[in-house]
């Protein structure tokens, strides 16, 4: 599904785009055609990426490997939660914090 906002859709021009049009002496139709062609060229995959697999979301159902990976992830998360150290309980009396007095040499420190 293509997004509604494309680089060559009829939208308000940015000031930089207007300066490019003025500097090159283009019409608006020529500029939008250039933007459309540039967008199409950007979608093409170059030969330098021939050895890199192209990964695309296809919306297929989960494979066996993905299900096993999900189960292992859930089990390891549950184990880490169970093995985590417990925080100290609030039943222990907390001693009040003693800070320096505000008299003498530490008054303005």
PDB file of N, CA and C in Angstrom:
ATOM      1  N   UNK A   1       0.841  -1.168   0.000  1.00  0.00           N
ATOM      2  CA  UNK A   1       0.000   0.000   0.000  1.00  0.00           C
ATOM      3  C   UNK A   1       0.894   1.242   0.000  1.00  0.00           C
ATOM      4  N   UNK A   2       0.703   2.106  -0.947  1.00  0.00           N
ATOM      5  CA  UNK A   2       1.523   3.299  -1.062  1.00  0.00           C
ATOM      6  C   UNK A   2       1.009   4.391  -0.134  1.00  0.00           C
ATOM      7  N   UNK A   3       1.914   5.168   0.447  1.00  0.00           N
ATOM      8  CA  UNK A   3       1.460   6.278   1.287  1.00  0.00           C
ATOM      9  C   UNK A   3       0.825   7.363   0.433  1.00  0.00           C
ATOM     10  N   UNK A   4      -0.047   8.126   1.049  1.00  0.00           N
ATOM     11  CA  UNK A   4      -0.733   9.176   0.306  1.00  0.00           C
ATOM     12  C   UNK A   4       0.206  10.328  -0.044  1.00  0.00           C
ATOM     13  N   UNK A   5       1.156  10.629   0.818  1.00  0.00           N
ATOM     14  CA  UNK A   5       2.096  11.717   0.561  1.00  0.00           C
ATOM     15  C   UNK A   5       3.309  11.165  -0.169  1.00  0.00           C
ATOM     16  N   UNK A   6       3.450  11.502  -1.409  1.00  0.00           N
ATOM     17  CA  UNK A   6       4.624  11.119  -2.182  1.00  0.00           C
ATOM     18  C   UNK A   6       5.418  12.389  -2.461  1.00  0.00           C
ATOM     19  N   UNK A   7       6.665  12.206  -2.844  1.00  0.00           N
ATOM     20  CA  UNK A   7       7.517  13.370  -3.069  1.00  0.00           C
ATOM     21  C   UNK A   7       7.062  14.189  -4.271  1.00  0.00           C
ATOM     22  N   UNK A   8       6.301  13.594  -5.187  1.00  0.00           N
ATOM     23  CA  UNK A   8       5.875  14.321  -6.369  1.00  0.00           C
ATOM     24  C   UNK A   8       4.392  14.688  -6.327  1.00  0.00           C
ATOM     25  N   UNK A   9       3.734  14.531  -5.174  1.00  0.00           N
ATOM     26  CA  UNK A   9       2.333  14.916  -5.085  1.00  0.00           C
ATOM     27  C   UNK A   9       2.231  16.436  -5.098  1.00  0.00           C
ATOM     28  N   UNK A  10       1.101  16.917  -5.507  1.00  0.00           N
ATOM     29  CA  UNK A  10       0.902  18.370  -5.592  1.00  0.00           C
ATOM     30  C   UNK A  10       0.687  18.926  -4.200  1.00  0.00           C
ATOM     31  N   UNK A  11       1.747  19.414  -3.621  1.00  0.00           N
ATOM     32  CA  UNK A  11       1.710  19.985  -2.290  1.00  0.00           C
ATOM     33  C   UNK A  11       2.348  21.363  -2.354  1.00  0.00           C
ATOM     34  N   UNK A  12       2.348  22.055  -1.253  1.00  0.00           N
ATOM     35  CA  UNK A  12       3.010  23.352  -1.196  1.00  0.00           C
ATOM     36  C   UNK A  12       4.517  23.142  -1.302  1.00  0.00           C
ATOM     37  N   UNK A  13       5.162  23.997  -2.050  1.00  0.00           N
ATOM     38  CA  UNK A  13       6.601  23.879  -2.235  1.00  0.00           C
ATOM     39  C   UNK A  13       7.340  24.481  -1.039  1.00  0.00           C
ATOM     40  N   UNK A  14       8.440  23.862  -0.693  1.00  0.00           N
ATOM     41  CA  UNK A  14       9.326  24.429   0.309  1.00  0.00           C
ATOM     42  C   UNK A  14      10.094  25.589  -0.322  1.00  0.00           C
ATOM     43  N   UNK A  15      10.575  26.523   0.485  1.00  0.00           N
ATOM     44  CA  UNK A  15      11.339  27.642  -0.092  1.00  0.00           C
ATOM     45  C   UNK A  15      12.561  27.172  -0.874  1.00  0.00           C
ATOM     46  N   UNK A  16      13.225  26.129  -0.412  1.00  0.00           N
ATOM     47  CA  UNK A  16      14.396  25.629  -1.138  1.00  0.00           C
ATOM     48  C   UNK A  16      13.993  25.066  -2.497  1.00  0.00           C
ATOM     49  N   UNK A  17      12.839  24.382  -2.552  1.00  0.00           N
ATOM     50  CA  UNK A  17      12.365  23.852  -3.831  1.00  0.00           C
ATOM     51  C   UNK A  17      12.028  24.974  -4.801  1.00  0.00           C
ATOM     52  N   UNK A  18      11.429  26.026  -4.288  1.00  0.00           N
ATOM     53  CA  UNK A  18      11.103  27.165  -5.146  1.00  0.00           C
ATOM     54  C   UNK A  18      12.374  27.829  -5.669  1.00  0.00           C
ATOM     55  N   UNK A  19      13.416  27.895  -4.858  1.00  0.00           N
ATOM     56  CA  UNK A  19      14.687  28.467  -5.307  1.00  0.00           C
ATOM     57  C   UNK A  19      15.322  27.593  -6.377  1.00  0.00           C
ATOM     58  N   UNK A  20      15.207  26.275  -6.257  1.00  0.00           N
ATOM     59  CA  UNK A  20      15.744  25.373  -7.281  1.00  0.00           C
ATOM     60  C   UNK A  20      14.999  25.581  -8.592  1.00  0.00           C
ATOM     61  N   UNK A  21      13.677  25.680  -8.529  1.00  0.00           N
ATOM     62  CA  UNK A  21      12.879  25.887  -9.738  1.00  0.00           C
ATOM     63  C   UNK A  21      13.260  27.203 -10.400  1.00  0.00           C
ATOM     64  N   UNK A  22      13.418  28.252  -9.606  1.00  0.00           N
ATOM     65  CA  UNK A  22      13.781  29.557 -10.153  1.00  0.00           C
ATOM     66  C   UNK A  22      15.185  29.546 -10.751  1.00  0.00           C
ATOM     67  N   UNK A  23      16.129  28.878 -10.066  1.00  0.00           N
ATOM     68  CA  UNK A  23      17.515  28.865 -10.541  1.00  0.00           C
ATOM     69  C   UNK A  23      17.661  28.079 -11.836  1.00  0.00           C
ATOM     70  N   UNK A  24      16.908  26.983 -11.979  1.00  0.00           N
ATOM     71  CA  UNK A  24      17.023  26.151 -13.177  1.00  0.00           C
ATOM     72  C   UNK A  24      16.064  26.567 -14.282  1.00  0.00           C
ATOM     73  N   UNK A  25      15.135  27.441 -13.975  1.00  0.00           N
ATOM     74  CA  UNK A  25      14.183  27.899 -14.982  1.00  0.00           C
ATOM     75  C   UNK A  25      13.182  26.820 -15.365  1.00  0.00           C
ATOM     76  N   UNK A  26      12.746  26.031 -14.409  1.00  0.00           N
ATOM     77  CA  UNK A  26      11.789  24.957 -14.666  1.00  0.00           C
ATOM     78  C   UNK A  26      10.364  25.448 -14.452  1.00  0.00           C
ATOM     79  N   UNK A  27       9.430  24.721 -15.033  1.00  0.00           N
ATOM     80  CA  UNK A  27       8.030  24.951 -14.716  1.00  0.00           C
ATOM     81  C   UNK A  27       7.653  23.995 -13.591  1.00  0.00           C
ATOM     82  N   UNK A  28       6.488  24.225 -12.987  1.00  0.00           N
ATOM     83  CA  UNK A  28       6.046  23.343 -11.913  1.00  0.00           C
ATOM     84  C   UNK A  28       5.829  21.925 -12.424  1.00  0.00           C
ATOM     85  N   UNK A  29       5.270  21.779 -13.622  1.00  0.00           N
ATOM     86  CA  UNK A  29       5.042  20.435 -14.170  1.00  0.00           C
ATOM     87  C   UNK A  29       6.361  19.699 -14.390  1.00  0.00           C
ATOM     88  N   UNK A  30       7.380  20.402 -14.876  1.00  0.00           N
ATOM     89  CA  UNK A  30       8.687  19.775 -15.076  1.00  0.00           C
ATOM     90  C   UNK A  30       9.298  19.356 -13.739  1.00  0.00           C
ATOM     91  N   UNK A  31       9.125  20.199 -12.722  1.00  0.00           N
ATOM     92  CA  UNK A  31       9.668  19.871 -11.407  1.00  0.00           C
ATOM     93  C   UNK A  31       8.985  18.643 -10.831  1.00  0.00           C
ATOM     94  N   UNK A  32       7.638  18.569 -10.920  1.00  0.00           N
ATOM     95  CA  UNK A  32       6.922  17.412 -10.378  1.00  0.00           C
ATOM     96  C   UNK A  32       7.251  16.150 -11.164  1.00  0.00           C
ATOM     97  N   UNK A  33       7.496  16.258 -12.456  1.00  0.00           N
ATOM     98  CA  UNK A  33       7.906  15.094 -13.245  1.00  0.00           C
ATOM     99  C   UNK A  33       9.284  14.610 -12.793  1.00  0.00           C
ATOM    100  N   UNK A  34      10.193  15.554 -12.545  1.00  0.00           N
ATOM    101  CA  UNK A  34      11.515  15.184 -12.031  1.00  0.00           C
ATOM    102  C   UNK A  34      11.388  14.467 -10.682  1.00  0.00           C
ATOM    103  N   UNK A  35      10.545  14.981  -9.795  1.00  0.00           N
ATOM    104  CA  UNK A  35      10.360  14.347  -8.484  1.00  0.00           C
ATOM    105  C   UNK A  35       9.791  12.940  -8.627  1.00  0.00           C
ATOM    106  N   UNK A  36       8.864  12.741  -9.565  1.00  0.00           N
ATOM    107  CA  UNK A  36       8.284  11.418  -9.787  1.00  0.00           C
ATOM    108  C   UNK A  36       9.345  10.451 -10.294  1.00  0.00           C
ATOM    109  N   UNK A  37      10.167  10.901 -11.269  1.00  0.00           N
ATOM    110  CA  UNK A  37      11.218  10.049 -11.804  1.00  0.00           C
ATOM    111  C   UNK A  37      12.276   9.729 -10.749  1.00  0.00           C
ATOM    112  N   UNK A  38      12.617  10.700  -9.915  1.00  0.00           N
ATOM    113  CA  UNK A  38      13.595  10.467  -8.851  1.00  0.00           C
ATOM    114  C   UNK A  38      13.066   9.456  -7.836  1.00  0.00           C
ATOM    115  N   UNK A  39      11.764   9.518  -7.547  1.00  0.00           N
ATOM    116  CA  UNK A  39      11.165   8.570  -6.614  1.00  0.00           C
ATOM    117  C   UNK A  39      11.175   7.156  -7.199  1.00  0.00           C
ATOM    118  N   UNK A  40      10.887   7.034  -8.476  1.00  0.00           N
ATOM    119  CA  UNK A  40      10.914   5.713  -9.124  1.00  0.00           C
ATOM    120  C   UNK A  40      12.339   5.163  -9.167  1.00  0.00           C
ATOM    121  N   UNK A  41      13.322   6.007  -9.437  1.00  0.00           N
ATOM    122  CA  UNK A  41      14.715   5.565  -9.498  1.00  0.00           C
ATOM    123  C   UNK A  41      15.208   5.136  -8.117  1.00  0.00           C
ATOM    124  N   UNK A  42      14.751   5.783  -7.078  1.00  0.00           N
ATOM    125  CA  UNK A  42      15.191   5.451  -5.730  1.00  0.00           C
ATOM    126  C   UNK A  42      14.692   4.072  -5.308  1.00  0.00           C
ATOM    127  N   UNK A  43      13.602   3.594  -5.905  1.00  0.00           N
ATOM    128  CA  UNK A  43      13.069   2.285  -5.551  1.00  0.00           C
ATOM    129  C   UNK A  43      13.816   1.155  -6.235  1.00  0.00           C
ATOM    130  N   UNK A  44      14.589   1.445  -7.270  1.00  0.00           N
ATOM    131  CA  UNK A  44      15.345   0.405  -7.962  1.00  0.00           C
ATOM    132  C   UNK A  44      16.532  -0.015  -7.105  1.00  0.00           C
ATOM    133  N   UNK A  45      16.838  -1.299  -7.134  1.00  0.00           N
ATOM    134  CA  UNK A  45      17.924  -1.853  -6.330  1.00  0.00           C
ATOM    135  C   UNK A  45      19.158  -1.967  -7.205  1.00  0.00           C
ATOM    136  N   UNK A  46      20.263  -1.369  -6.786  1.00  0.00           N
ATOM    137  CA  UNK A  46      21.499  -1.364  -7.558  1.00  0.00           C
ATOM    138  C   UNK A  46      22.196  -2.709  -7.566  1.00  0.00           C
ATOM    139  N   UNK A  47      23.137  -2.873  -8.497  1.00  0.00           N
ATOM    140  CA  UNK A  47      23.875  -4.132  -8.606  1.00  0.00           C
ATOM    141  C   UNK A  47      24.813  -4.350  -7.421  1.00  0.00           C
ATOM    142  N   UNK A  48      25.224  -3.298  -6.739  1.00  0.00           N
ATOM    143  CA  UNK A  48      26.116  -3.459  -5.591  1.00  0.00           C
ATOM    144  C   UNK A  48      25.433  -4.191  -4.434  1.00  0.00           C
ATOM    145  N   UNK A  49      24.105  -4.307  -4.481  1.00  0.00           N
ATOM    146  CA  UNK A  49      23.364  -5.016  -3.441  1.00  0.00           C
ATOM    147  C   UNK A  49      22.966  -6.425  -3.872  1.00  0.00           C
ATOM    148  N   UNK A  50      23.564  -6.951  -4.941  1.00  0.00           N
ATOM    149  CA  UNK A  50      23.181  -8.263  -5.462  1.00  0.00           C
ATOM    150  C   UNK A  50      23.489  -9.377  -4.461  1.00  0.00           C
ATOM    151  N   UNK A  51      24.538  -9.255  -3.673  1.00  0.00           N
ATOM    152  CA  UNK A  51      24.904 -10.315  -2.732  1.00  0.00           C
ATOM    153  C   UNK A  51      24.177 -10.193  -1.390  1.00  0.00           C
ATOM    154  N   UNK A  52      23.404  -9.120  -1.197  1.00  0.00           N
ATOM    155  CA  UNK A  52      22.671  -8.912   0.044  1.00  0.00           C
ATOM    156  C   UNK A  52      21.214  -9.291  -0.184  1.00  0.00           C
ATOM    157  N   UNK A  53      20.665 -10.197   0.633  1.00  0.00           N
ATOM    158  CA  UNK A  53      19.275 -10.605   0.405  1.00  0.00           C
ATOM    159  C   UNK A  53      18.310  -9.447   0.695  1.00  0.00           C
ATOM    160  N   UNK A  54      17.272  -9.364  -0.118  1.00  0.00           N
ATOM    161  CA  UNK A  54      16.261  -8.320   0.067  1.00  0.00           C
ATOM    162  C   UNK A  54      15.181  -8.863   0.991  1.00  0.00           C
ATOM    163  N   UNK A  55      14.973  -8.203   2.097  1.00  0.00           N
ATOM    164  CA  UNK A  55      14.005  -8.641   3.095  1.00  0.00           C
ATOM    165  C   UNK A  55      12.771  -7.762   2.976  1.00  0.00           C
ATOM    166  N   UNK A  56      11.633  -8.411   2.728  1.00  0.00           N
ATOM    167  CA  UNK A  56      10.380  -7.692   2.541  1.00  0.00           C
ATOM    168  C   UNK A  56       9.319  -8.362   3.403  1.00  0.00           C
ATOM    169  N   UNK A  57       8.535  -7.556   4.095  1.00  0.00           N
ATOM    170  CA  UNK A  57       7.440  -8.101   4.900  1.00  0.00           C
ATOM    171  C   UNK A  57       6.323  -8.539   3.960  1.00  0.00           C
ATOM    172  N   UNK A  58       5.975  -9.829   4.003  1.00  0.00           N
ATOM    173  CA  UNK A  58       4.977 -10.358   3.082  1.00  0.00           C
ATOM    174  C   UNK A  58       3.638 -10.602   3.754  1.00  0.00           C
ATOM    175  N   UNK A  59       3.577 -10.623   5.059  1.00  0.00           N
ATOM    176  CA  UNK A  59       2.328 -10.860   5.749  1.00  0.00           C
ATOM    177  C   UNK A  59       1.948 -12.332   5.809  1.00  0.00           C
ATOM    178  N   UNK A  60       2.912 -13.224   5.600  1.00  0.00           N
ATOM    179  CA  UNK A  60       2.644 -14.655   5.667  1.00  0.00           C
ATOM    180  C   UNK A  60       2.503 -15.079   7.122  1.00  0.00           C
ATOM    181  N   UNK A  61       1.842 -16.222   7.376  1.00  0.00           N
ATOM    182  CA  UNK A  61       1.739 -16.699   8.765  1.00  0.00           C
ATOM    183  C   UNK A  61       3.107 -17.100   9.308  1.00  0.00           C
ATOM    184  N   UNK A  62       3.179 -17.222  10.624  1.00  0.00           N
ATOM    185  CA  UNK A  62       4.447 -17.536  11.284  1.00  0.00           C
ATOM    186  C   UNK A  62       4.964 -18.913  10.872  1.00  0.00           C
ATOM    187  N   UNK A  63       6.275 -19.000  10.698  1.00  0.00           N
ATOM    188  CA  UNK A  63       6.889 -20.278  10.374  1.00  0.00           C
ATOM    189  C   UNK A  63       7.237 -21.009  11.665  1.00  0.00           C
ATOM    190  N   UNK A  64       7.640 -22.260  11.535  1.00  0.00           N
ATOM    191  CA  UNK A  64       8.006 -23.070  12.702  1.00  0.00           C
ATOM    192  C   UNK A  64       9.184 -22.452  13.441  1.00  0.00           C
ATOM    193  N   UNK A  65      10.169 -21.956  12.696  1.00  0.00           N
ATOM    194  CA  UNK A  65      11.333 -21.329  13.312  1.00  0.00           C
ATOM    195  C   UNK A  65      10.931 -20.100  14.120  1.00  0.00           C
ATOM    196  N   UNK A  66      10.027 -19.293  13.610  1.00  0.00           N
ATOM    197  CA  UNK A  66       9.602 -18.087  14.322  1.00  0.00           C
ATOM    198  C   UNK A  66       8.841 -18.444  15.597  1.00  0.00           C
ATOM    199  N   UNK A  67       8.015 -19.500  15.528  1.00  0.00           N
ATOM    200  CA  UNK A  67       7.258 -19.928  16.713  1.00  0.00           C
ATOM    201  C   UNK A  67       8.200 -20.451  17.790  1.00  0.00           C
ATOM    202  N   UNK A  68       9.192 -21.265  17.401  1.00  0.00           N
ATOM    203  CA  UNK A  68      10.172 -21.782  18.356  1.00  0.00           C
ATOM    204  C   UNK A  68      10.961 -20.635  18.976  1.00  0.00           C
ATOM    205  N   UNK A  69      11.347 -19.661  18.163  1.00  0.00           N
ATOM    206  CA  UNK A  69      12.093 -18.505  18.661  1.00  0.00           C
ATOM    207  C   UNK A  69      11.245 -17.702  19.648  1.00  0.00           C
ATOM    208  N   UNK A  70       9.973 -17.560  19.360  1.00  0.00           N
ATOM    209  CA  UNK A  70       9.074 -16.837  20.259  1.00  0.00           C
ATOM    210  C   UNK A  70       8.921 -17.564  21.591  1.00  0.00           C
ATOM    211  N   UNK A  71       8.779 -18.881  21.557  1.00  0.00           N
ATOM    212  CA  UNK A  71       8.631 -19.669  22.791  1.00  0.00           C
ATOM    213  C   UNK A  71       9.898 -19.578  23.626  1.00  0.00           C
ATOM    214  N   UNK A  72      11.068 -19.684  22.988  1.00  0.00           N
ATOM    215  CA  UNK A  72      12.335 -19.578  23.721  1.00  0.00           C
ATOM    216  C   UNK A  72      12.470 -18.200  24.353  1.00  0.00           C
ATOM    217  N   UNK A  73      12.060 -17.165  23.649  1.00  0.00           N
ATOM    218  CA  UNK A  73      12.122 -15.809  24.191  1.00  0.00           C
ATOM    219  C   UNK A  73      11.223 -15.633  25.401  1.00  0.00           C
ATOM    220  N   UNK A  74      10.016 -16.177  25.333  1.00  0.00           N
ATOM    221  CA  UNK A  74       9.090 -16.062  26.461  1.00  0.00           C
ATOM    222  C   UNK A  74       9.613 -16.837  27.664  1.00  0.00           C
ATOM    223  N   UNK A  75      10.143 -18.042  27.439  1.00  0.00           N
ATOM    224  CA  UNK A  75      10.679 -18.839  28.548  1.00  0.00           C
ATOM    225  C   UNK A  75      11.891 -18.174  29.193  1.00  0.00           C
ATOM    226  N   UNK A  76      12.779 -17.609  28.384  1.00  0.00           N
ATOM    227  CA  UNK A  76      13.954 -16.956  28.969  1.00  0.00           C
ATOM    228  C   UNK A  76      13.562 -15.692  29.730  1.00  0.00           C
ATOM    229  N   UNK A  77      12.539 -14.973  29.267  1.00  0.00           N
ATOM    230  CA  UNK A  77      12.060 -13.799  29.998  1.00  0.00           C
ATOM    231  C   UNK A  77      11.457 -14.213  31.336  1.00  0.00           C
ATOM    232  N   UNK A  78      10.666 -15.276  31.328  1.00  0.00           N
ATOM    233  CA  UNK A  78      10.062 -15.759  32.580  1.00  0.00           C
ATOM    234  C   UNK A  78      11.141 -16.214  33.557  1.00  0.00           C
ATOM    235  N   UNK A  79      12.173 -16.893  33.056  1.00  0.00           N
ATOM    236  CA  UNK A  79      13.255 -17.350  33.938  1.00  0.00           C
ATOM    237  C   UNK A  79      14.018 -16.173  34.527  1.00  0.00           C
ATOM    238  N   UNK A  80      14.255 -15.145  33.733  1.00  0.00           N
ATOM    239  CA  UNK A  80      14.995 -13.987  34.252  1.00  0.00           C
ATOM    240  C   UNK A  80      14.190 -13.237  35.303  1.00  0.00           C
ATOM    241  N   UNK A  81      12.875 -13.208  35.148  1.00  0.00           N
ATOM    242  CA  UNK A  81      12.037 -12.551  36.158  1.00  0.00           C
ATOM    243  C   UNK A  81      12.044 -13.353  37.454  1.00  0.00           C
ATOM    244  N   UNK A  82      11.979 -14.663  37.345  1.00  0.00           N
ATOM    245  CA  UNK A  82      11.961 -15.503  38.546  1.00  0.00           C
ATOM    246  C   UNK A  82      13.306 -15.522  39.267  1.00  0.00           C
ATOM    247  N   UNK A  83      14.402 -15.401  38.524  1.00  0.00           N
ATOM    248  CA  UNK A  83      15.732 -15.462  39.126  1.00  0.00           C
ATOM    249  C   UNK A  83      16.275 -14.100  39.543  1.00  0.00           C
ATOM    250  N   UNK A  84      15.555 -13.045  39.272  1.00  0.00           N
ATOM    251  CA  UNK A  84      16.021 -11.696  39.613  1.00  0.00           C
ATOM    252  C   UNK A  84      16.047 -11.522  41.134  1.00  0.00           C
ATOM    253  N   UNK A  85      17.009 -10.755  41.661  1.00  0.00           N
ATOM    254  CA  UNK A  85      17.046 -10.543  43.113  1.00  0.00           C
ATOM    255  C   UNK A  85      15.826  -9.762  43.574  1.00  0.00           C
ATOM    256  N   UNK A  86      15.360 -10.120  44.746  1.00  0.00           N
ATOM    257  CA  UNK A  86      14.169  -9.475  45.289  1.00  0.00           C
ATOM    258  C   UNK A  86      14.549  -8.137  45.923  1.00  0.00           C
ATOM    259  N   UNK A  87      13.730  -7.119  45.737  1.00  0.00           N
ATOM    260  CA  UNK A  87      14.025  -5.827  46.379  1.00  0.00           C
ATOM    261  C   UNK A  87      13.803  -5.928  47.887  1.00  0.00           C
ATOM    262  N   UNK A  88      14.454  -5.072  48.676  1.00  0.00           N
ATOM    263  CA  UNK A  88      14.272  -5.129  50.131  1.00  0.00           C
ATOM    264  C   UNK A  88      12.822  -4.809  50.494  1.00  0.00           C
ATOM    265  N   UNK A  89      12.328  -5.489  51.528  1.00  0.00           N
ATOM    266  CA  UNK A  89      10.939  -5.269  51.929  1.00  0.00           C
ATOM    267  C   UNK A  89      10.818  -3.953  52.690  1.00  0.00           C
ATOM    268  N   UNK A  90       9.631  -3.429  52.730  1.00  0.00           N
ATOM    269  CA  UNK A  90       9.385  -2.165  53.417  1.00  0.00           C
ATOM    270  C   UNK A  90       9.206  -2.351  54.918  1.00  0.00           C
ATOM    271  N   UNK A  91       9.221  -3.586  55.385  1.00  0.00           N
ATOM    272  CA  UNK A  91       9.053  -3.850  56.813  1.00  0.00           C
ATOM    273  C   UNK A  91      10.294  -3.465  57.612  1.00  0.00           C
ATOM    274  N   UNK A  92      11.466  -3.431  56.981  1.00  0.00           N
ATOM    275  CA  UNK A  92      12.693  -3.053  57.673  1.00  0.00           C
ATOM    276  C   UNK A  92      12.627  -1.572  58.035  1.00  0.00           C
ATOM    277  N   UNK A  93      12.935  -1.240  59.299  1.00  0.00           N
ATOM    278  CA  UNK A  93      12.900   0.184  59.673  1.00  0.00           C
ATOM    279  C   UNK A  93      14.038   0.932  58.977  1.00  0.00           C
ATOM    280  N   UNK A  94      13.690   2.031  58.391  1.00  0.00           N
ATOM    281  CA  UNK A  94      14.692   2.855  57.715  1.00  0.00           C
ATOM    282  C   UNK A  94      15.204   3.912  58.679  1.00  0.00           C
ATOM    283  N   UNK A  95      16.511   4.070  58.762  1.00  0.00           N
ATOM    284  CA  UNK A  95      17.071   5.096  59.624  1.00  0.00           C
ATOM    285  C   UNK A  95      16.981   6.438  58.910  1.00  0.00           C
ATOM    286  N   UNK A  96      16.716   7.491  59.652  1.00  0.00           N
ATOM    287  CA  UNK A  96      16.623   8.808  59.019  1.00  0.00           C
ATOM    288  C   UNK A  96      17.989   9.240  58.475  1.00  0.00           C
ATOM    289  N   UNK A  97      17.960  10.010  57.423  1.00  0.00           N
ATOM    290  CA  UNK A  97      19.185  10.477  56.801  1.00  0.00           C
ATOM    291  C   UNK A  97      19.715  11.665  57.593  1.00  0.00           C
ATOM    292  N   UNK A  98      20.969  11.579  57.991  1.00  0.00           N
ATOM    293  CA  UNK A  98      21.597  12.655  58.764  1.00  0.00           C
ATOM    294  C   UNK A  98      22.500  13.443  57.827  1.00  0.00           C
ATOM    295  N   UNK A  99      22.231  14.708  57.700  1.00  0.00           N
ATOM    296  CA  UNK A  99      23.048  15.576  56.851  1.00  0.00           C
ATOM    297  C   UNK A  99      23.831  16.551  57.706  1.00  0.00           C
ATOM    298  N   UNK A 100      24.714  17.289  57.084  1.00  0.00           N
ATOM    299  CA  UNK A 100      25.537  18.260  57.808  1.00  0.00           C
ATOM    300  C   UNK A 100      24.661  19.387  58.347  1.00  0.00           C
ATOM    301  N   UNK A 101      25.107  19.941  59.476  1.00  0.00           N
ATOM    302  CA  UNK A 101      24.376  21.049  60.060  1.00  0.00           C
ATOM    303  C   UNK A 101      24.512  22.284  59.181  1.00  0.00           C
ATOM    304  N   UNK A 102      23.592  23.226  59.384  1.00  0.00           N
ATOM    305  CA  UNK A 102      23.650  24.449  58.602  1.00  0.00           C
ATOM    306  C   UNK A 102      24.294  25.585  59.375  1.00  0.00           C
ATOM    307  N   UNK A 103      25.163  25.219  60.317  1.00  0.00           N
ATOM    308  CA  UNK A 103      25.864  26.245  61.088  1.00  0.00           C
ATOM    309  C   UNK A 103      27.367  26.063  60.899  1.00  0.00           C
ATOM    310  N   UNK A 104      28.085  27.082  61.119  1.00  0.00           N
ATOM    311  CA  UNK A 104      29.544  26.998  61.044  1.00  0.00           C
ATOM    312  C   UNK A 104      30.036  27.058  59.607  1.00  0.00           C
ATOM    313  N   UNK A 105      31.105  26.271  59.356  1.00  0.00           N
ATOM    314  CA  UNK A 105      31.775  26.336  58.053  1.00  0.00           C
ATOM    315  C   UNK A 105      30.916  25.731  56.936  1.00  0.00           C
ATOM    316  N   UNK A 106      30.016  24.821  57.256  1.00  0.00           N
ATOM    317  CA  UNK A 106      29.227  24.175  56.211  1.00  0.00           C
ATOM    318  C   UNK A 106      27.904  24.897  55.930  1.00  0.00           C
ATOM    319  N   UNK A 107      27.733  26.100  56.471  1.00  0.00           N
ATOM    320  CA  UNK A 107      26.470  26.806  56.317  1.00  0.00           C
ATOM    321  C   UNK A 107      26.191  27.129  54.846  1.00  0.00           C
ATOM    322  N   UNK A 108      27.188  27.538  54.085  1.00  0.00           N
ATOM    323  CA  UNK A 108      26.957  27.941  52.706  1.00  0.00           C
ATOM    324  C   UNK A 108      27.506  26.927  51.711  1.00  0.00           C
ATOM    325  N   UNK A 109      27.858  25.761  52.137  1.00  0.00           N
ATOM    326  CA  UNK A 109      28.440  24.757  51.256  1.00  0.00           C
ATOM    327  C   UNK A 109      27.354  24.037  50.473  1.00  0.00           C
TER     328      UNK A 109
END
